[in-house]
């Protein structure tokens, strides 16, 4: 059974497997997502990490042991006109003129210096510098997912899309950062998450973002919630 939460008009979250849910959804303007790409970021590896990061034990999980397969990548490409896919260098995707580069300003530790997002946007490579580890990181707050991205990085990604990209879809929603960034920008959002723990976190974070929209951005209208589909 798929659980559905309608948080506001045009803001809908699904608890379930995106491989089953995506074929049932209408086409959207843009997919912005960070799918598993097989870096094995499991609990033991996170707990042993290096010099600047504070170790966090996120528990045991298996979903990041291998990249999503070609069939799932094809689902992402069919779901929208535009795509931004983090970890695109791990997947078999067409050549791109526009990679989005997140420079993490990590300094001397064993984390990657940058993360890459593949896009099909007809523009040049773009880069953002945003520190995400250590005491001086650019964005405060609790990290609730092992591969969580900063809200400002995801906001910057959405801002690279054509201006008329009104509906954003994240089929690997995690703790909901893409959704938070989308609603802060006044966009509609559809999210899918397979883990109930992170689905609940995403519902909370996006609900809180809907209550505190950015100035001059019209916030989505509330709707009556439906708990189950």
C-alpha atoms as a PDB file:
ATOM      1  CA  UNK A   1       0.000   0.000   0.000  1.00  0.00           C
ATOM      2  CA  UNK A   2       1.289   3.466  -0.904  1.00  0.00           C
ATOM      3  CA  UNK A   3       0.860   6.232   1.620  1.00  0.00           C
ATOM      4  CA  UNK A   4       0.152   9.706   0.237  1.00  0.00           C
ATOM      5  CA  UNK A   5       0.405  13.038   2.051  1.00  0.00           C
ATOM      6  CA  UNK A   6      -1.026  16.173   0.411  1.00  0.00           C
ATOM      7  CA  UNK A   7       0.735  18.942   2.320  1.00  0.00           C
ATOM      8  CA  UNK A   8      -0.594  21.818   0.217  1.00  0.00           C
ATOM      9  CA  UNK A   9      -2.008  22.489  -3.221  1.00  0.00           C
ATOM     10  CA  UNK A  10       0.531  21.021  -5.603  1.00  0.00           C
ATOM     11  CA  UNK A  11       2.716  19.566  -2.827  1.00  0.00           C
ATOM     12  CA  UNK A  12       2.321  15.780  -2.580  1.00  0.00           C
ATOM     13  CA  UNK A  13       4.580  13.179  -0.967  1.00  0.00           C
ATOM     14  CA  UNK A  14       4.470   9.411  -1.556  1.00  0.00           C
ATOM     15  CA  UNK A  15       5.813   6.695   0.723  1.00  0.00           C
ATOM     16  CA  UNK A  16       6.764   3.803  -1.513  1.00  0.00           C
ATOM     17  CA  UNK A  17       9.034   2.521  -4.279  1.00  0.00           C
ATOM     18  CA  UNK A  18       9.550   5.091  -7.034  1.00  0.00           C
ATOM     19  CA  UNK A  19       9.865   2.296  -9.597  1.00  0.00           C
ATOM     20  CA  UNK A  20       6.215   1.462  -8.925  1.00  0.00           C
ATOM     21  CA  UNK A  21       4.918   4.998  -8.351  1.00  0.00           C
ATOM     22  CA  UNK A  22       6.615   6.933 -11.183  1.00  0.00           C
ATOM     23  CA  UNK A  23       4.710   5.182 -14.009  1.00  0.00           C
ATOM     24  CA  UNK A  24       1.409   6.225 -12.375  1.00  0.00           C
ATOM     25  CA  UNK A  25       2.247   9.944 -12.145  1.00  0.00           C
ATOM     26  CA  UNK A  26       1.715  12.646 -14.764  1.00  0.00           C
ATOM     27  CA  UNK A  27       4.761  14.150 -16.467  1.00  0.00           C
ATOM     28  CA  UNK A  28       6.313  17.105 -14.600  1.00  0.00           C
ATOM     29  CA  UNK A  29       8.534  20.022 -15.571  1.00  0.00           C
ATOM     30  CA  UNK A  30      11.732  18.855 -13.877  1.00  0.00           C
ATOM     31  CA  UNK A  31      13.266  15.972 -11.957  1.00  0.00           C
ATOM     32  CA  UNK A  32      15.796  17.149  -9.362  1.00  0.00           C
ATOM     33  CA  UNK A  33      17.140  14.201  -7.399  1.00  0.00           C
ATOM     34  CA  UNK A  34      20.037  12.476  -5.666  1.00  0.00           C
ATOM     35  CA  UNK A  35      19.575   8.733  -6.281  1.00  0.00           C
ATOM     36  CA  UNK A  36      21.720   6.004  -4.720  1.00  0.00           C
ATOM     37  CA  UNK A  37      24.928   5.609  -6.706  1.00  0.00           C
ATOM     38  CA  UNK A  38      26.652   2.828  -4.852  1.00  0.00           C
ATOM     39  CA  UNK A  39      29.224   4.617  -2.707  1.00  0.00           C
ATOM     40  CA  UNK A  40      28.403   2.333   0.230  1.00  0.00           C
ATOM     41  CA  UNK A  41      27.735   5.185   2.639  1.00  0.00           C
ATOM     42  CA  UNK A  42      26.603   2.754   5.325  1.00  0.00           C
ATOM     43  CA  UNK A  43      26.631   3.242   9.072  1.00  0.00           C
ATOM     44  CA  UNK A  44      30.123   1.869   9.718  1.00  0.00           C
ATOM     45  CA  UNK A  45      31.699   3.956   6.983  1.00  0.00           C
ATOM     46  CA  UNK A  46      30.003   7.141   8.174  1.00  0.00           C
ATOM     47  CA  UNK A  47      31.034   6.476  11.754  1.00  0.00           C
ATOM     48  CA  UNK A  48      34.696   6.113  10.771  1.00  0.00           C
ATOM     49  CA  UNK A  49      34.932   9.278   8.687  1.00  0.00           C
ATOM     50  CA  UNK A  50      37.760  11.718   9.000  1.00  0.00           C
ATOM     51  CA  UNK A  51      39.221  14.808  10.383  1.00  0.00           C
ATOM     52  CA  UNK A  52      36.676  17.609  10.095  1.00  0.00           C
ATOM     53  CA  UNK A  53      33.318  15.845  10.049  1.00  0.00           C
ATOM     54  CA  UNK A  54      31.518  14.873  13.241  1.00  0.00           C
ATOM     55  CA  UNK A  55      30.743  11.131  12.981  1.00  0.00           C
ATOM     56  CA  UNK A  56      27.036  10.279  12.934  1.00  0.00           C
ATOM     57  CA  UNK A  57      25.628   6.768  13.087  1.00  0.00           C
ATOM     58  CA  UNK A  58      22.596   6.711  10.767  1.00  0.00           C
ATOM     59  CA  UNK A  59      21.895   3.046  11.420  1.00  0.00           C
ATOM     60  CA  UNK A  60      22.218   0.088   9.084  1.00  0.00           C
ATOM     61  CA  UNK A  61      20.846   0.321   5.559  1.00  0.00           C
ATOM     62  CA  UNK A  62      21.366  -1.423   2.220  1.00  0.00           C
ATOM     63  CA  UNK A  63      19.951   1.045  -0.325  1.00  0.00           C
ATOM     64  CA  UNK A  64      23.309   2.658  -1.189  1.00  0.00           C
ATOM     65  CA  UNK A  65      25.299  -0.479  -1.983  1.00  0.00           C
ATOM     66  CA  UNK A  66      24.936  -0.161  -5.772  1.00  0.00           C
ATOM     67  CA  UNK A  67      23.779   2.439  -8.314  1.00  0.00           C
ATOM     68  CA  UNK A  68      20.203   2.485  -9.547  1.00  0.00           C
ATOM     69  CA  UNK A  69      19.858   0.368 -12.683  1.00  0.00           C
ATOM     70  CA  UNK A  70      19.380   1.501 -16.271  1.00  0.00           C
ATOM     71  CA  UNK A  71      15.615   0.909 -16.158  1.00  0.00           C
ATOM     72  CA  UNK A  72      15.251   3.265 -13.195  1.00  0.00           C
ATOM     73  CA  UNK A  73      17.418   5.897 -14.896  1.00  0.00           C
ATOM     74  CA  UNK A  74      15.123   5.635 -17.926  1.00  0.00           C
ATOM     75  CA  UNK A  75      12.115   6.260 -15.680  1.00  0.00           C
ATOM     76  CA  UNK A  76      13.734   9.478 -14.437  1.00  0.00           C
ATOM     77  CA  UNK A  77      14.392  10.679 -17.984  1.00  0.00           C
ATOM     78  CA  UNK A  78      10.821   9.949 -19.095  1.00  0.00           C
ATOM     79  CA  UNK A  79       9.242  11.694 -16.106  1.00  0.00           C
ATOM     80  CA  UNK A  80      10.063  15.288 -17.076  1.00  0.00           C
ATOM     81  CA  UNK A  81      11.304  17.774 -19.640  1.00  0.00           C
ATOM     82  CA  UNK A  82      14.359  18.706 -17.569  1.00  0.00           C
ATOM     83  CA  UNK A  83      16.567  16.637 -15.265  1.00  0.00           C
ATOM     84  CA  UNK A  84      19.199  17.353 -12.627  1.00  0.00           C
ATOM     85  CA  UNK A  85      20.628  14.061 -11.339  1.00  0.00           C
ATOM     86  CA  UNK A  86      23.326  14.038  -8.667  1.00  0.00           C
ATOM     87  CA  UNK A  87      25.892  11.284  -9.065  1.00  0.00           C
ATOM     88  CA  UNK A  88      25.299  11.383 -12.816  1.00  0.00           C
ATOM     89  CA  UNK A  89      28.930  10.409 -13.349  1.00  0.00           C
ATOM     90  CA  UNK A  90      28.023   6.943 -11.967  1.00  0.00           C
ATOM     91  CA  UNK A  91      25.238   6.345 -14.516  1.00  0.00           C
ATOM     92  CA  UNK A  92      25.008   5.768 -18.262  1.00  0.00           C
ATOM     93  CA  UNK A  93      23.600   9.143 -19.335  1.00  0.00           C
ATOM     94  CA  UNK A  94      23.884  11.150 -22.571  1.00  0.00           C
ATOM     95  CA  UNK A  95      26.676  13.715 -22.990  1.00  0.00           C
ATOM     96  CA  UNK A  96      25.911  17.032 -21.306  1.00  0.00           C
ATOM     97  CA  UNK A  97      27.133  20.593 -21.787  1.00  0.00           C
ATOM     98  CA  UNK A  98      25.931  21.534 -18.304  1.00  0.00           C
ATOM     99  CA  UNK A  99      27.167  19.698 -15.252  1.00  0.00           C
ATOM    100  CA  UNK A 100      26.386  21.304 -11.908  1.00  0.00           C
ATOM    101  CA  UNK A 101      29.417  21.185  -9.622  1.00  0.00           C
ATOM    102  CA  UNK A 102      29.072  21.509  -5.860  1.00  0.00           C
ATOM    103  CA  UNK A 103      32.470  22.418  -4.403  1.00  0.00           C
ATOM    104  CA  UNK A 104      32.198  21.362  -0.755  1.00  0.00           C
ATOM    105  CA  UNK A 105      35.310  23.273   0.399  1.00  0.00           C
ATOM    106  CA  UNK A 106      36.223  20.183   2.402  1.00  0.00           C
ATOM    107  CA  UNK A 107      39.875  20.915   3.000  1.00  0.00           C
ATOM    108  CA  UNK A 108      42.043  18.055   4.275  1.00  0.00           C
ATOM    109  CA  UNK A 109      39.793  15.048   4.862  1.00  0.00           C
ATOM    110  CA  UNK A 110      38.692  11.892   3.080  1.00  0.00           C
ATOM    111  CA  UNK A 111      35.428  13.214   1.646  1.00  0.00           C
ATOM    112  CA  UNK A 112      35.215  14.048  -2.065  1.00  0.00           C
ATOM    113  CA  UNK A 113      36.081  17.662  -2.880  1.00  0.00           C
ATOM    114  CA  UNK A 114      33.047  18.025  -5.161  1.00  0.00           C
ATOM    115  CA  UNK A 115      29.788  16.356  -6.116  1.00  0.00           C
ATOM    116  CA  UNK A 116      28.556  16.382  -9.709  1.00  0.00           C
ATOM    117  CA  UNK A 117      25.007  16.590 -11.015  1.00  0.00           C
ATOM    118  CA  UNK A 118      24.263  15.650 -14.621  1.00  0.00           C
ATOM    119  CA  UNK A 119      21.703  17.806 -16.411  1.00  0.00           C
ATOM    120  CA  UNK A 120      20.109  18.052 -19.839  1.00  0.00           C
ATOM    121  CA  UNK A 121      20.077  21.852 -19.583  1.00  0.00           C
ATOM    122  CA  UNK A 122      21.303  23.725 -22.689  1.00  0.00           C
ATOM    123  CA  UNK A 123      23.843  25.879 -20.869  1.00  0.00           C
ATOM    124  CA  UNK A 124      27.442  25.820 -19.665  1.00  0.00           C
ATOM    125  CA  UNK A 125      28.888  24.094 -16.593  1.00  0.00           C
ATOM    126  CA  UNK A 126      28.000  25.860 -13.343  1.00  0.00           C
ATOM    127  CA  UNK A 127      29.654  25.676  -9.895  1.00  0.00           C
ATOM    128  CA  UNK A 128      28.611  26.573  -6.367  1.00  0.00           C
ATOM    129  CA  UNK A 129      30.989  26.713  -3.405  1.00  0.00           C
ATOM    130  CA  UNK A 130      29.236  25.669  -0.199  1.00  0.00           C
ATOM    131  CA  UNK A 131      30.953  24.194   2.848  1.00  0.00           C
ATOM    132  CA  UNK A 132      28.991  21.306   4.369  1.00  0.00           C
ATOM    133  CA  UNK A 133      31.396  19.722   6.883  1.00  0.00           C
ATOM    134  CA  UNK A 134      33.101  20.923  10.029  1.00  0.00           C
ATOM    135  CA  UNK A 135      32.295  23.652  12.542  1.00  0.00           C
ATOM    136  CA  UNK A 136      32.411  26.433   9.920  1.00  0.00           C
ATOM    137  CA  UNK A 137      29.944  24.886   7.487  1.00  0.00           C
ATOM    138  CA  UNK A 138      27.790  27.412   5.644  1.00  0.00           C
ATOM    139  CA  UNK A 139      24.399  26.036   6.719  1.00  0.00           C
ATOM    140  CA  UNK A 140      23.511  25.145  10.287  1.00  0.00           C
ATOM    141  CA  UNK A 141      20.928  22.646  11.415  1.00  0.00           C
ATOM    142  CA  UNK A 142      20.634  18.914  11.968  1.00  0.00           C
ATOM    143  CA  UNK A 143      21.680  16.498   9.239  1.00  0.00           C
ATOM    144  CA  UNK A 144      19.011  13.800   9.327  1.00  0.00           C
ATOM    145  CA  UNK A 145      20.018  11.652   6.335  1.00  0.00           C
ATOM    146  CA  UNK A 146      23.429  10.185   5.425  1.00  0.00           C
ATOM    147  CA  UNK A 147      23.447  11.753   1.937  1.00  0.00           C
ATOM    148  CA  UNK A 148      21.522  14.922   2.806  1.00  0.00           C
ATOM    149  CA  UNK A 149      22.315  17.984   0.679  1.00  0.00           C
ATOM    150  CA  UNK A 150      22.289  21.606   1.926  1.00  0.00           C
ATOM    151  CA  UNK A 151      19.041  23.425   1.227  1.00  0.00           C
ATOM    152  CA  UNK A 152      20.884  26.302  -0.465  1.00  0.00           C
ATOM    153  CA  UNK A 153      22.639  23.914  -2.851  1.00  0.00           C
ATOM    154  CA  UNK A 154      19.322  22.382  -3.910  1.00  0.00           C
ATOM    155  CA  UNK A 155      17.766  25.838  -4.203  1.00  0.00           C
ATOM    156  CA  UNK A 156      20.654  26.856  -6.471  1.00  0.00           C
ATOM    157  CA  UNK A 157      20.071  23.731  -8.586  1.00  0.00           C
ATOM    158  CA  UNK A 158      16.384  24.545  -9.039  1.00  0.00           C
ATOM    159  CA  UNK A 159      17.298  28.094 -10.012  1.00  0.00           C
ATOM    160  CA  UNK A 160      19.336  26.699 -12.938  1.00  0.00           C
ATOM    161  CA  UNK A 161      16.129  25.341 -14.496  1.00  0.00           C
ATOM    162  CA  UNK A 162      14.072  27.326 -17.024  1.00  0.00           C
ATOM    163  CA  UNK A 163      11.911  29.898 -15.249  1.00  0.00           C
ATOM    164  CA  UNK A 164       8.664  28.148 -16.230  1.00  0.00           C
ATOM    165  CA  UNK A 165       9.633  24.901 -14.448  1.00  0.00           C
ATOM    166  CA  UNK A 166       6.785  25.081 -11.983  1.00  0.00           C
ATOM    167  CA  UNK A 167       6.603  21.464 -10.795  1.00  0.00           C
ATOM    168  CA  UNK A 168       9.631  19.687  -9.327  1.00  0.00           C
ATOM    169  CA  UNK A 169       9.791  15.917  -8.746  1.00  0.00           C
ATOM    170  CA  UNK A 170      12.277  14.116  -6.496  1.00  0.00           C
ATOM    171  CA  UNK A 171      11.804  10.317  -6.719  1.00  0.00           C
ATOM    172  CA  UNK A 172      14.543   9.724  -4.094  1.00  0.00           C
ATOM    173  CA  UNK A 173      13.352  12.353  -1.625  1.00  0.00           C
ATOM    174  CA  UNK A 174      15.270  11.260   1.470  1.00  0.00           C
ATOM    175  CA  UNK A 175      14.788  13.827   4.224  1.00  0.00           C
ATOM    176  CA  UNK A 176      13.067  16.237   1.827  1.00  0.00           C
ATOM    177  CA  UNK A 177      15.672  18.914   1.122  1.00  0.00           C
ATOM    178  CA  UNK A 178      14.688  19.261  -2.549  1.00  0.00           C
ATOM    179  CA  UNK A 179      11.087  19.741  -1.449  1.00  0.00           C
ATOM    180  CA  UNK A 180      12.055  22.354   1.131  1.00  0.00           C
ATOM    181  CA  UNK A 181      14.001  24.276  -1.513  1.00  0.00           C
ATOM    182  CA  UNK A 182      11.167  23.956  -4.050  1.00  0.00           C
ATOM    183  CA  UNK A 183       8.398  25.269  -1.816  1.00  0.00           C
ATOM    184  CA  UNK A 184      10.643  28.072  -0.567  1.00  0.00           C
ATOM    185  CA  UNK A 185      10.886  29.123  -4.219  1.00  0.00           C
ATOM    186  CA  UNK A 186       7.121  28.889  -4.670  1.00  0.00           C
ATOM    187  CA  UNK A 187       7.284  25.759  -6.865  1.00  0.00           C
ATOM    188  CA  UNK A 188       4.972  22.777  -6.769  1.00  0.00           C
ATOM    189  CA  UNK A 189       6.637  19.588  -5.539  1.00  0.00           C
ATOM    190  CA  UNK A 190       6.145  15.838  -5.729  1.00  0.00           C
ATOM    191  CA  UNK A 191       8.378  13.611  -3.627  1.00  0.00           C
ATOM    192  CA  UNK A 192       8.777   9.839  -3.305  1.00  0.00           C
ATOM    193  CA  UNK A 193      10.640   8.074  -0.491  1.00  0.00           C
ATOM    194  CA  UNK A 194      10.852   4.352   0.201  1.00  0.00           C
ATOM    195  CA  UNK A 195      12.045   4.528   3.847  1.00  0.00           C
ATOM    196  CA  UNK A 196       9.267   5.351   6.330  1.00  0.00           C
ATOM    197  CA  UNK A 197      11.712   7.015   8.742  1.00  0.00           C
ATOM    198  CA  UNK A 198      12.898   9.521   6.150  1.00  0.00           C
ATOM    199  CA  UNK A 199       9.414   9.989   4.705  1.00  0.00           C
ATOM    200  CA  UNK A 200       8.242  11.204   8.125  1.00  0.00           C
ATOM    201  CA  UNK A 201      11.217  13.583   8.375  1.00  0.00           C
ATOM    202  CA  UNK A 202      10.503  14.931   4.881  1.00  0.00           C
ATOM    203  CA  UNK A 203       6.837  15.522   5.721  1.00  0.00           C
ATOM    204  CA  UNK A 204       7.847  17.500   8.802  1.00  0.00           C
ATOM    205  CA  UNK A 205      10.554  19.560   7.112  1.00  0.00           C
ATOM    206  CA  UNK A 206       8.447  20.463   4.065  1.00  0.00           C
ATOM    207  CA  UNK A 207       5.428  21.284   6.263  1.00  0.00           C
ATOM    208  CA  UNK A 208       7.616  23.640   8.275  1.00  0.00           C
ATOM    209  CA  UNK A 209       8.935  25.245   5.074  1.00  0.00           C
ATOM    210  CA  UNK A 210       5.376  25.811   3.841  1.00  0.00           C
ATOM    211  CA  UNK A 211       4.650  27.783   7.023  1.00  0.00           C
ATOM    212  CA  UNK A 212       7.695  30.012   6.470  1.00  0.00           C
ATOM    213  CA  UNK A 213       7.858  30.927   2.762  1.00  0.00           C
ATOM    214  CA  UNK A 214      10.501  33.293   1.475  1.00  0.00           C
ATOM    215  CA  UNK A 215       9.473  36.943   1.283  1.00  0.00           C
ATOM    216  CA  UNK A 216       7.698  37.887  -1.977  1.00  0.00           C
ATOM    217  CA  UNK A 217       7.102  34.193  -2.807  1.00  0.00           C
ATOM    218  CA  UNK A 218       3.465  33.143  -2.866  1.00  0.00           C
ATOM    219  CA  UNK A 219       3.094  30.052  -0.706  1.00  0.00           C
ATOM    220  CA  UNK A 220       0.982  27.090  -1.907  1.00  0.00           C
ATOM    221  CA  UNK A 221      -2.589  26.975  -0.676  1.00  0.00           C
ATOM    222  CA  UNK A 222      -3.475  24.405   2.011  1.00  0.00           C
ATOM    223  CA  UNK A 223      -5.537  21.365   1.087  1.00  0.00           C
ATOM    224  CA  UNK A 224      -7.347  18.709   3.064  1.00  0.00           C
ATOM    225  CA  UNK A 225      -4.905  15.912   3.892  1.00  0.00           C
ATOM    226  CA  UNK A 226      -5.443  12.310   2.826  1.00  0.00           C
ATOM    227  CA  UNK A 227      -3.462   9.767   4.791  1.00  0.00           C
ATOM    228  CA  UNK A 228      -3.713   6.609   2.694  1.00  0.00           C
ATOM    229  CA  UNK A 229      -4.174   5.655  -0.948  1.00  0.00           C
END
